Amino acid sequence: MNCSEIKTALTIAGSDSSGGAGIQADLKTMLANGVYGMSAITALTAQNTMGVTAISEVTPEFLGQQINAVFTDIFPDAVKTGMVANAELIEVISERLSFYKARNIVVDPVMIATSGARLISEDAVAVLKAKLLPIASVITPNIPEAEVLSGIKIASKADMEKAAGHINKSYGCAVLLKGGHSISDADDLLYENGETTWFEGVRIDNPNTHGTGCTLSSAIASNLAKGYDLKQSVRLAKEYISGVLSAKLDLGKGSGPLHHGFLL
């Protein structure tokens, strides 16, 4: 690829000081998938493979200025949003993306940690539903997040299809519902335009999964930026996830990061 023809993507998310998740994972993923990555940081975190010890959120004004700086110079071919903890920040993101008529918006609705802990407030969830989901091209919830967004208890593949359909009808965005270990292991469901597509995943025995959700959504955004349709973008992203997990990087004392540069 001629470097002058490289596609671009913006991640709007939190910073992970240990480099495994958040904007660090997003930028590594974008580079590995042949896209020039840019960032607007929603929060700084002090975290490592064992957990988060401190969070410092940016002001809504500063977040807006970061987004303006990107869009007025290098207009992104795709946008990915990740961890956004409060309603005011979600308001700014939604307003700015609408203002610039951003395209290929991938929303990773980070609401509930793997441990089950709620990560964002009720009012932030309300703004997410009202403002951000309706402008998204696709959202990538896990099972607990899809339950919050749909109000449907998910205990089977049929429940996944029902919940994804409900979310799609409610907010108008395509839904990639991640199966997770509880239901369909590594199988994910894409609901788009009334059509369901199952993506079978390969179960990889690797306890180091820190940043998997960030990485998947960023890979999808990268593929959309390059002009692939949503189904192909998901398929390629799933293949990349299998690769980064199969590389079995082992760093840190907790749930370690993925090997984003395994192809290098």
C-alpha atoms as a PDB file:
ATOM      1  CA  MET A   1       0.000   0.000   0.000  1.00  0.00           C
ATOM      2  CA  ASN A   2       1.227   3.475  -0.874  1.00  0.00           C
ATOM      3  CA  CYS A   3       1.648   5.346   2.435  1.00  0.00           C
ATOM      4  CA  SER A   4      -0.238   8.346   1.032  1.00  0.00           C
ATOM      5  CA  GLU A   5      -3.266   6.068   0.548  1.00  0.00           C
ATOM      6  CA  ILE A   6      -3.361   4.705   4.101  1.00  0.00           C
ATOM      7  CA  LYS A   7      -6.774   4.729   5.774  1.00  0.00           C
ATOM      8  CA  THR A   8      -7.278   6.362   9.159  1.00  0.00           C
ATOM      9  CA  ALA A   9      -9.192   5.596  12.347  1.00  0.00           C
ATOM     10  CA  LEU A  10      -9.868   7.426  15.610  1.00  0.00           C
ATOM     11  CA  THR A  11     -10.229   5.780  19.005  1.00  0.00           C
ATOM     12  CA  ILE A  12     -12.132   7.657  21.720  1.00  0.00           C
ATOM     13  CA  ALA A  13     -11.409   5.766  24.919  1.00  0.00           C
ATOM     14  CA  GLY A  14      -9.481   5.601  28.169  1.00  0.00           C
ATOM     15  CA  SER A  15      -5.737   5.153  28.548  1.00  0.00           C
ATOM     16  CA  ASP A  16      -4.355   1.928  30.053  1.00  0.00           C
ATOM     17  CA  SER A  17      -0.954   2.574  31.620  1.00  0.00           C
ATOM     18  CA  SER A  18      -0.015  -1.100  31.265  1.00  0.00           C
ATOM     19  CA  GLY A  19      -0.627  -0.974  27.504  1.00  0.00           C
ATOM     20  CA  GLY A  20      -2.975  -3.938  27.239  1.00  0.00           C
ATOM     21  CA  ALA A  21      -6.377  -2.310  26.814  1.00  0.00           C
ATOM     22  CA  GLY A  22      -7.897   1.080  26.025  1.00  0.00           C
ATOM     23  CA  ILE A  23      -6.282   3.444  23.542  1.00  0.00           C
ATOM     24  CA  GLN A  24      -2.962   1.618  23.725  1.00  0.00           C
ATOM     25  CA  ALA A  25      -4.581  -1.640  22.569  1.00  0.00           C
ATOM     26  CA  ASP A  26      -6.637   0.270  19.996  1.00  0.00           C
ATOM     27  CA  LEU A  27      -3.637   2.005  18.413  1.00  0.00           C
ATOM     28  CA  LYS A  28      -1.588  -1.214  18.324  1.00  0.00           C
ATOM     29  CA  THR A  29      -4.522  -3.019  16.712  1.00  0.00           C
ATOM     30  CA  MET A  30      -5.025  -0.302  14.099  1.00  0.00           C
ATOM     31  CA  LEU A  31      -1.338  -0.353  13.174  1.00  0.00           C
ATOM     32  CA  ALA A  32      -1.317  -4.160  12.974  1.00  0.00           C
ATOM     33  CA  ASN A  33      -4.334  -3.984  10.647  1.00  0.00           C
ATOM     34  CA  GLY A  34      -2.712  -1.468   8.313  1.00  0.00           C
ATOM     35  CA  VAL A  35      -4.545   1.665   9.462  1.00  0.00           C
ATOM     36  CA  TYR A  36      -3.199   4.970  10.811  1.00  0.00           C
ATOM     37  CA  GLY A  37      -4.607   5.378  14.333  1.00  0.00           C
ATOM     38  CA  MET A  38      -5.419   8.576  16.234  1.00  0.00           C
ATOM     39  CA  SER A  39      -6.822   9.074  19.727  1.00  0.00           C
ATOM     40  CA  ALA A  40      -9.020  11.247  21.909  1.00  0.00           C
ATOM     41  CA  ILE A  41      -8.539  10.257  25.549  1.00  0.00           C
ATOM     42  CA  THR A  42     -11.566  10.142  27.867  1.00  0.00           C
ATOM     43  CA  ALA A  43      -9.672   9.208  31.033  1.00  0.00           C
ATOM     44  CA  LEU A  44      -6.244   8.342  32.372  1.00  0.00           C
ATOM     45  CA  THR A  45      -6.055   5.162  34.418  1.00  0.00           C
ATOM     46  CA  ALA A  46      -3.419   3.716  36.699  1.00  0.00           C
ATOM     47  CA  GLN A  47      -3.824   0.035  35.947  1.00  0.00           C
ATOM     48  CA  ASN A  48      -2.005  -3.176  35.236  1.00  0.00           C
ATOM     49  CA  THR A  49      -2.877  -6.817  34.615  1.00  0.00           C
ATOM     50  CA  MET A  50      -4.178  -7.121  38.184  1.00  0.00           C
ATOM     51  CA  GLY A  51      -6.640  -4.234  38.111  1.00  0.00           C
ATOM     52  CA  VAL A  52      -7.328  -0.506  38.105  1.00  0.00           C
ATOM     53  CA  THR A  53      -6.043   1.539  41.061  1.00  0.00           C
ATOM     54  CA  ALA A  54      -6.935   5.084  39.953  1.00  0.00           C
ATOM     55  CA  ILE A  55      -8.930   6.948  37.289  1.00  0.00           C
ATOM     56  CA  SER A  56      -8.641  10.603  36.276  1.00  0.00           C
ATOM     57  CA  GLU A  57     -11.293  11.698  33.784  1.00  0.00           C
ATOM     58  CA  VAL A  58     -10.715  14.537  31.317  1.00  0.00           C
ATOM     59  CA  THR A  59     -13.168  17.453  31.206  1.00  0.00           C
ATOM     60  CA  PRO A  60     -15.903  17.405  28.547  1.00  0.00           C
ATOM     61  CA  GLU A  61     -14.397  20.592  27.068  1.00  0.00           C
ATOM     62  CA  PHE A  62     -10.964  19.020  26.653  1.00  0.00           C
ATOM     63  CA  LEU A  63     -12.400  15.849  25.129  1.00  0.00           C
ATOM     64  CA  GLY A  64     -14.283  17.991  22.615  1.00  0.00           C
ATOM     65  CA  GLN A  65     -11.080  19.868  21.766  1.00  0.00           C
ATOM     66  CA  GLN A  66      -9.235  16.590  21.112  1.00  0.00           C
ATOM     67  CA  ILE A  67     -11.990  15.410  18.771  1.00  0.00           C
ATOM     68  CA  ASN A  68     -12.020  18.771  16.979  1.00  0.00           C
ATOM     69  CA  ALA A  69      -8.249  18.640  16.521  1.00  0.00           C
ATOM     70  CA  VAL A  70      -8.498  15.274  14.773  1.00  0.00           C
ATOM     71  CA  PHE A  71     -11.527  15.930  12.552  1.00  0.00           C
ATOM     72  CA  THR A  72     -10.375  19.359  11.341  1.00  0.00           C
ATOM     73  CA  ASP A  73      -7.054  17.977  10.107  1.00  0.00           C
ATOM     74  CA  ILE A  74      -7.010  14.226   9.439  1.00  0.00           C
ATOM     75  CA  PHE A  75     -10.650  13.195   8.982  1.00  0.00           C
ATOM     76  CA  PRO A  76     -10.934   9.563  10.167  1.00  0.00           C
ATOM     77  CA  ASP A  77     -12.337   6.856   7.903  1.00  0.00           C
ATOM     78  CA  ALA A  78     -13.700   5.094  11.005  1.00  0.00           C
ATOM     79  CA  VAL A  79     -14.225   5.844  14.701  1.00  0.00           C
ATOM     80  CA  LYS A  80     -14.205   3.486  17.662  1.00  0.00           C
ATOM     81  CA  THR A  81     -15.474   4.427  21.120  1.00  0.00           C
ATOM     82  CA  GLY A  82     -14.627   2.506  24.269  1.00  0.00           C
ATOM     83  CA  MET A  83     -14.662   3.242  27.989  1.00  0.00           C
ATOM     84  CA  VAL A  84     -16.567   6.478  28.672  1.00  0.00           C
ATOM     85  CA  ALA A  85     -17.622   6.674  32.302  1.00  0.00           C
ATOM     86  CA  ASN A  86     -19.932   9.664  32.580  1.00  0.00           C
ATOM     87  CA  ALA A  87     -22.926  11.207  30.822  1.00  0.00           C
ATOM     88  CA  GLU A  88     -21.266  14.557  30.025  1.00  0.00           C
ATOM     89  CA  LEU A  89     -18.436  12.900  28.095  1.00  0.00           C
ATOM     90  CA  ILE A  90     -20.872  10.717  26.140  1.00  0.00           C
ATOM     91  CA  GLU A  91     -22.879  13.867  25.292  1.00  0.00           C
ATOM     92  CA  VAL A  92     -19.762  15.551  23.875  1.00  0.00           C
ATOM     93  CA  ILE A  93     -18.753  12.483  21.839  1.00  0.00           C
ATOM     94  CA  SER A  94     -22.255  12.095  20.372  1.00  0.00           C
ATOM     95  CA  GLU A  95     -22.566  15.801  19.546  1.00  0.00           C
ATOM     96  CA  ARG A  96     -19.132  16.090  17.932  1.00  0.00           C
ATOM     97  CA  LEU A  97     -19.457  12.892  15.872  1.00  0.00           C
ATOM     98  CA  SER A  98     -22.862  14.055  14.644  1.00  0.00           C
ATOM     99  CA  PHE A  99     -21.497  17.542  13.890  1.00  0.00           C
ATOM    100  CA  TYR A 100     -18.674  16.154  11.752  1.00  0.00           C
ATOM    101  CA  LYS A 101     -20.916  13.492  10.154  1.00  0.00           C
ATOM    102  CA  ALA A 102     -18.440  10.803  11.230  1.00  0.00           C
ATOM    103  CA  ARG A 103     -18.673   7.521   9.377  1.00  0.00           C
ATOM    104  CA  ASN A 104     -18.141   3.878  10.348  1.00  0.00           C
ATOM    105  CA  ILE A 105     -18.714   4.392  14.081  1.00  0.00           C
ATOM    106  CA  VAL A 106     -18.032   1.279  16.176  1.00  0.00           C
ATOM    107  CA  VAL A 107     -19.293   1.575  19.754  1.00  0.00           C
ATOM    108  CA  ASP A 108     -17.924  -0.820  22.367  1.00  0.00           C
ATOM    109  CA  PRO A 109     -20.492  -0.110  25.125  1.00  0.00           C
ATOM    110  CA  VAL A 110     -18.172  -0.762  28.044  1.00  0.00           C
ATOM    111  CA  MET A 111     -20.606  -0.925  30.975  1.00  0.00           C
ATOM    112  CA  ILE A 112     -19.893  -4.075  32.939  1.00  0.00           C
ATOM    113  CA  ALA A 113     -16.499  -5.579  33.774  1.00  0.00           C
ATOM    114  CA  THR A 114     -15.701  -9.247  33.289  1.00  0.00           C
ATOM    115  CA  SER A 115     -16.044  -9.520  37.078  1.00  0.00           C
ATOM    116  CA  GLY A 116     -19.650  -8.296  36.840  1.00  0.00           C
ATOM    117  CA  ALA A 117     -18.946  -4.861  38.343  1.00  0.00           C
ATOM    118  CA  ARG A 118     -20.850  -1.894  36.875  1.00  0.00           C
ATOM    119  CA  LEU A 119     -18.412   0.538  35.270  1.00  0.00           C
ATOM    120  CA  ILE A 120     -20.670   3.459  34.364  1.00  0.00           C
ATOM    121  CA  SER A 121     -23.552   5.272  36.057  1.00  0.00           C
ATOM    122  CA  GLU A 122     -27.264   4.899  35.266  1.00  0.00           C
ATOM    123  CA  ASP A 123     -27.450   8.407  33.780  1.00  0.00           C
ATOM    124  CA  ALA A 124     -24.477   7.624  31.541  1.00  0.00           C
ATOM    125  CA  VAL A 125     -26.264   4.491  30.288  1.00  0.00           C
ATOM    126  CA  ALA A 126     -29.338   6.621  29.528  1.00  0.00           C
ATOM    127  CA  VAL A 127     -27.299   9.096  27.443  1.00  0.00           C
ATOM    128  CA  LEU A 128     -25.499   6.216  25.715  1.00  0.00           C
ATOM    129  CA  LYS A 129     -28.885   4.805  24.670  1.00  0.00           C
ATOM    130  CA  ALA A 130     -30.378   8.148  23.653  1.00  0.00           C
ATOM    131  CA  LYS A 131     -27.436   9.791  21.877  1.00  0.00           C
ATOM    132  CA  LEU A 132     -24.566   7.465  20.961  1.00  0.00           C
ATOM    133  CA  LEU A 133     -26.142   4.151  19.942  1.00  0.00           C
ATOM    134  CA  PRO A 134     -28.458   5.738  17.340  1.00  0.00           C
ATOM    135  CA  ILE A 135     -25.463   7.154  15.403  1.00  0.00           C
ATOM    136  CA  ALA A 136     -23.389   3.952  15.624  1.00  0.00           C
ATOM    137  CA  SER A 137     -22.775   1.730  12.617  1.00  0.00           C
ATOM    138  CA  VAL A 138     -22.354  -1.273  14.910  1.00  0.00           C
ATOM    139  CA  ILE A 139     -22.109  -1.875  18.659  1.00  0.00           C
ATOM    140  CA  THR A 140     -20.208  -4.744  20.280  1.00  0.00           C
ATOM    141  CA  PRO A 141     -21.798  -5.636  23.653  1.00  0.00           C
ATOM    142  CA  ASN A 142     -20.982  -8.705  25.714  1.00  0.00           C
ATOM    143  CA  ILE A 143     -23.801 -10.735  27.280  1.00  0.00           C
ATOM    144  CA  PRO A 144     -24.236  -8.624  30.476  1.00  0.00           C
ATOM    145  CA  GLU A 145     -24.146  -5.398  28.459  1.00  0.00           C
ATOM    146  CA  ALA A 146     -26.694  -6.724  25.967  1.00  0.00           C
ATOM    147  CA  GLU A 147     -28.965  -7.645  28.882  1.00  0.00           C
ATOM    148  CA  VAL A 148     -28.812  -4.039  30.122  1.00  0.00           C
ATOM    149  CA  LEU A 149     -29.479  -2.625  26.647  1.00  0.00           C
ATOM    150  CA  SER A 150     -32.303  -5.020  25.759  1.00  0.00           C
ATOM    151  CA  GLY A 151     -33.876  -5.760  29.142  1.00  0.00           C
ATOM    152  CA  ILE A 152     -33.793  -9.446  28.142  1.00  0.00           C
ATOM    153  CA  LYS A 153     -32.167 -12.181  30.240  1.00  0.00           C
ATOM    154  CA  ILE A 154     -29.780 -14.099  27.972  1.00  0.00           C
ATOM    155  CA  ALA A 155     -29.232 -17.781  28.664  1.00  0.00           C
ATOM    156  CA  SER A 156     -29.124 -19.336  25.176  1.00  0.00           C
ATOM    157  CA  LYS A 157     -28.323 -18.663  21.535  1.00  0.00           C
ATOM    158  CA  ALA A 158     -32.024 -18.037  20.918  1.00  0.00           C
ATOM    159  CA  ASP A 159     -31.955 -15.387  23.676  1.00  0.00           C
ATOM    160  CA  MET A 160     -28.930 -13.813  22.003  1.00  0.00           C
ATOM    161  CA  GLU A 161     -30.841 -13.504  18.724  1.00  0.00           C
ATOM    162  CA  LYS A 162     -33.879 -12.054  20.510  1.00  0.00           C
ATOM    163  CA  ALA A 163     -31.801  -9.496  22.457  1.00  0.00           C
ATOM    164  CA  ALA A 164     -29.753  -8.452  19.413  1.00  0.00           C
ATOM    165  CA  GLY A 165     -32.940  -7.977  17.398  1.00  0.00           C
ATOM    166  CA  HIS A 166     -34.460  -5.867  20.180  1.00  0.00           C
ATOM    167  CA  ILE A 167     -31.359  -3.653  20.404  1.00  0.00           C
ATOM    168  CA  ASN A 168     -31.275  -3.228  16.626  1.00  0.00           C
ATOM    169  CA  LYS A 169     -34.930  -2.202  16.489  1.00  0.00           C
ATOM    170  CA  SER A 170     -34.589   0.123  19.496  1.00  0.00           C
ATOM    171  CA  TYR A 171     -31.490   2.040  18.373  1.00  0.00           C
ATOM    172  CA  GLY A 172     -31.165   1.423  14.645  1.00  0.00           C
ATOM    173  CA  CYS A 173     -27.578   0.135  14.788  1.00  0.00           C
ATOM    174  CA  ALA A 174     -26.178  -3.253  13.803  1.00  0.00           C
ATOM    175  CA  VAL A 175     -25.250  -5.438  16.787  1.00  0.00           C
ATOM    176  CA  LEU A 176     -22.318  -7.802  17.231  1.00  0.00           C
ATOM    177  CA  LEU A 177     -23.280  -9.700  20.382  1.00  0.00           C
ATOM    178  CA  LYS A 178     -20.262 -11.476  21.844  1.00  0.00           C
ATOM    179  CA  GLY A 179     -21.113 -14.935  23.127  1.00  0.00           C
ATOM    180  CA  GLY A 180     -18.502 -15.254  25.810  1.00  0.00           C
ATOM    181  CA  HIS A 181     -17.839 -18.372  27.865  1.00  0.00           C
ATOM    182  CA  SER A 182     -21.301 -18.529  29.434  1.00  0.00           C
ATOM    183  CA  ILE A 183     -23.313 -19.396  26.349  1.00  0.00           C
ATOM    184  CA  SER A 184     -21.682 -20.002  22.991  1.00  0.00           C
ATOM    185  CA  ASP A 185     -18.045 -19.849  23.966  1.00  0.00           C
ATOM    186  CA  ALA A 186     -16.236 -17.913  21.252  1.00  0.00           C
ATOM    187  CA  ASP A 187     -19.257 -17.691  18.916  1.00  0.00           C
ATOM    188  CA  ASP A 188     -20.507 -14.182  18.178  1.00  0.00           C
ATOM    189  CA  LEU A 189     -23.794 -13.090  16.614  1.00  0.00           C
ATOM    190  CA  LEU A 190     -24.087 -10.257  14.089  1.00  0.00           C
ATOM    191  CA  TYR A 191     -27.591  -8.802  13.681  1.00  0.00           C
ATOM    192  CA  GLU A 192     -27.804  -6.446  10.709  1.00  0.00           C
ATOM    193  CA  ASN A 193     -30.831  -5.324   8.675  1.00  0.00           C
ATOM    194  CA  GLY A 194     -33.022  -8.051  10.154  1.00  0.00           C
ATOM    195  CA  GLU A 195     -30.488 -10.740   9.259  1.00  0.00           C
ATOM    196  CA  THR A 196     -28.508 -12.854  11.716  1.00  0.00           C
ATOM    197  CA  THR A 197     -25.028 -14.204  11.022  1.00  0.00           C
ATOM    198  CA  TRP A 198     -23.167 -16.450  13.451  1.00  0.00           C
ATOM    199  CA  PHE A 199     -19.375 -16.269  13.574  1.00  0.00           C
ATOM    200  CA  GLU A 200     -17.889 -19.404  15.046  1.00  0.00           C
ATOM    201  CA  GLY A 201     -14.805 -18.735  17.117  1.00  0.00           C
ATOM    202  CA  VAL A 202     -11.923 -21.049  17.893  1.00  0.00           C
ATOM    203  CA  ARG A 203     -11.645 -21.737  21.628  1.00  0.00           C
ATOM    204  CA  ILE A 204      -8.061 -20.860  22.511  1.00  0.00           C
ATOM    205  CA  ASP A 205      -6.772 -21.901  25.911  1.00  0.00           C
ATOM    206  CA  ASN A 206      -5.117 -18.666  27.003  1.00  0.00           C
ATOM    207  CA  PRO A 207      -5.789 -17.046  30.407  1.00  0.00           C
ATOM    208  CA  ASN A 208      -4.279 -13.750  29.198  1.00  0.00           C
ATOM    209  CA  THR A 209      -7.225 -11.899  27.683  1.00  0.00           C
ATOM    210  CA  HIS A 210      -6.748  -8.333  28.958  1.00  0.00           C
ATOM    211  CA  GLY A 211      -8.056  -5.921  26.314  1.00  0.00           C
ATOM    212  CA  THR A 212      -9.809  -8.457  24.078  1.00  0.00           C
ATOM    213  CA  GLY A 213     -12.972  -6.356  23.713  1.00  0.00           C
ATOM    214  CA  CYS A 214     -11.013  -3.184  22.874  1.00  0.00           C
ATOM    215  CA  THR A 215      -8.944  -5.101  20.356  1.00  0.00           C
ATOM    216  CA  LEU A 216     -11.951  -6.682  18.615  1.00  0.00           C
ATOM    217  CA  SER A 217     -13.836  -3.386  18.207  1.00  0.00           C
ATOM    218  CA  SER A 218     -10.694  -1.625  16.956  1.00  0.00           C
ATOM    219  CA  ALA A 219     -10.021  -4.372  14.424  1.00  0.00           C
ATOM    220  CA  ILE A 220     -13.604  -4.053  13.149  1.00  0.00           C
ATOM    221  CA  ALA A 221     -13.194  -0.259  12.853  1.00  0.00           C
ATOM    222  CA  SER A 222      -9.903  -0.751  11.001  1.00  0.00           C
ATOM    223  CA  ASN A 223     -11.529  -3.074   8.483  1.00  0.00           C
ATOM    224  CA  LEU A 224     -14.482  -0.724   7.964  1.00  0.00           C
ATOM    225  CA  ALA A 225     -11.981   2.105   7.387  1.00  0.00           C
ATOM    226  CA  LYS A 226     -10.368   0.017   4.647  1.00  0.00           C
ATOM    227  CA  GLY A 227     -13.717  -0.348   2.888  1.00  0.00           C
ATOM    228  CA  TYR A 228     -14.797  -3.852   3.878  1.00  0.00           C
ATOM    229  CA  ASP A 229     -18.492  -4.387   4.583  1.00  0.00           C
ATOM    230  CA  LEU A 230     -19.577  -5.154   8.132  1.00  0.00           C
ATOM    231  CA  LYS A 231     -19.725  -8.955   7.786  1.00  0.00           C
ATOM    232  CA  GLN A 232     -16.253  -9.151   6.280  1.00  0.00           C
ATOM    233  CA  SER A 233     -14.926  -6.631   8.804  1.00  0.00           C
ATOM    234  CA  VAL A 234     -16.152  -8.831  11.664  1.00  0.00           C
ATOM    235  CA  ARG A 235     -14.810 -11.988  10.044  1.00  0.00           C
ATOM    236  CA  LEU A 236     -11.343 -10.475   9.578  1.00  0.00           C
ATOM    237  CA  ALA A 237     -11.388  -9.042  13.114  1.00  0.00           C
ATOM    238  CA  LYS A 238     -12.251 -12.473  14.554  1.00  0.00           C
ATOM    239  CA  GLU A 239      -9.321 -13.978  12.631  1.00  0.00           C
ATOM    240  CA  TYR A 240      -7.015 -11.307  14.065  1.00  0.00           C
ATOM    241  CA  ILE A 241      -8.278 -11.984  17.615  1.00  0.00           C
ATOM    242  CA  SER A 242      -7.574 -15.699  17.151  1.00  0.00           C
ATOM    243  CA  GLY A 243      -4.041 -14.796  16.112  1.00  0.00           C
ATOM    244  CA  VAL A 244      -3.288 -12.456  19.009  1.00  0.00           C
ATOM    245  CA  LEU A 245      -4.618 -15.023  21.490  1.00  0.00           C
ATOM    246  CA  SER A 246      -2.821 -17.955  19.854  1.00  0.00           C
ATOM    247  CA  ALA A 247       0.505 -16.100  20.135  1.00  0.00           C
ATOM    248  CA  LYS A 248       0.179 -16.619  23.918  1.00  0.00           C
ATOM    249  CA  LEU A 249       2.077 -13.614  25.183  1.00  0.00           C
ATOM    250  CA  ASP A 250       2.628 -13.959  28.931  1.00  0.00           C
ATOM    251  CA  LEU A 251       3.310 -10.685  30.728  1.00  0.00           C
ATOM    252  CA  GLY A 252       2.358  -9.487  34.210  1.00  0.00           C
ATOM    253  CA  LYS A 253       1.039 -11.192  37.315  1.00  0.00           C
ATOM    254  CA  GLY A 254      -2.680 -11.095  36.449  1.00  0.00           C
ATOM    255  CA  SER A 255      -4.704 -11.469  33.239  1.00  0.00           C
ATOM    256  CA  GLY A 256      -2.034 -10.456  30.777  1.00  0.00           C
ATOM    257  CA  PRO A 257      -2.273  -8.563  27.479  1.00  0.00           C
ATOM    258  CA  LEU A 258      -2.558  -9.868  23.928  1.00  0.00           C
ATOM    259  CA  HIS A 259       0.276  -9.984  21.394  1.00  0.00           C
ATOM    260  CA  HIS A 260      -1.054  -7.279  19.063  1.00  0.00           C
ATOM    261  CA  GLY A 261       2.044  -7.358  16.884  1.00  0.00           C
ATOM    262  CA  PHE A 262       2.198 -11.120  16.387  1.00  0.00           C
ATOM    263  CA  LEU A 263       2.301 -10.643  12.595  1.00  0.00           C
ATOM    264  CA  LEU A 264       5.362  -8.381  12.703  1.00  0.00           C
END
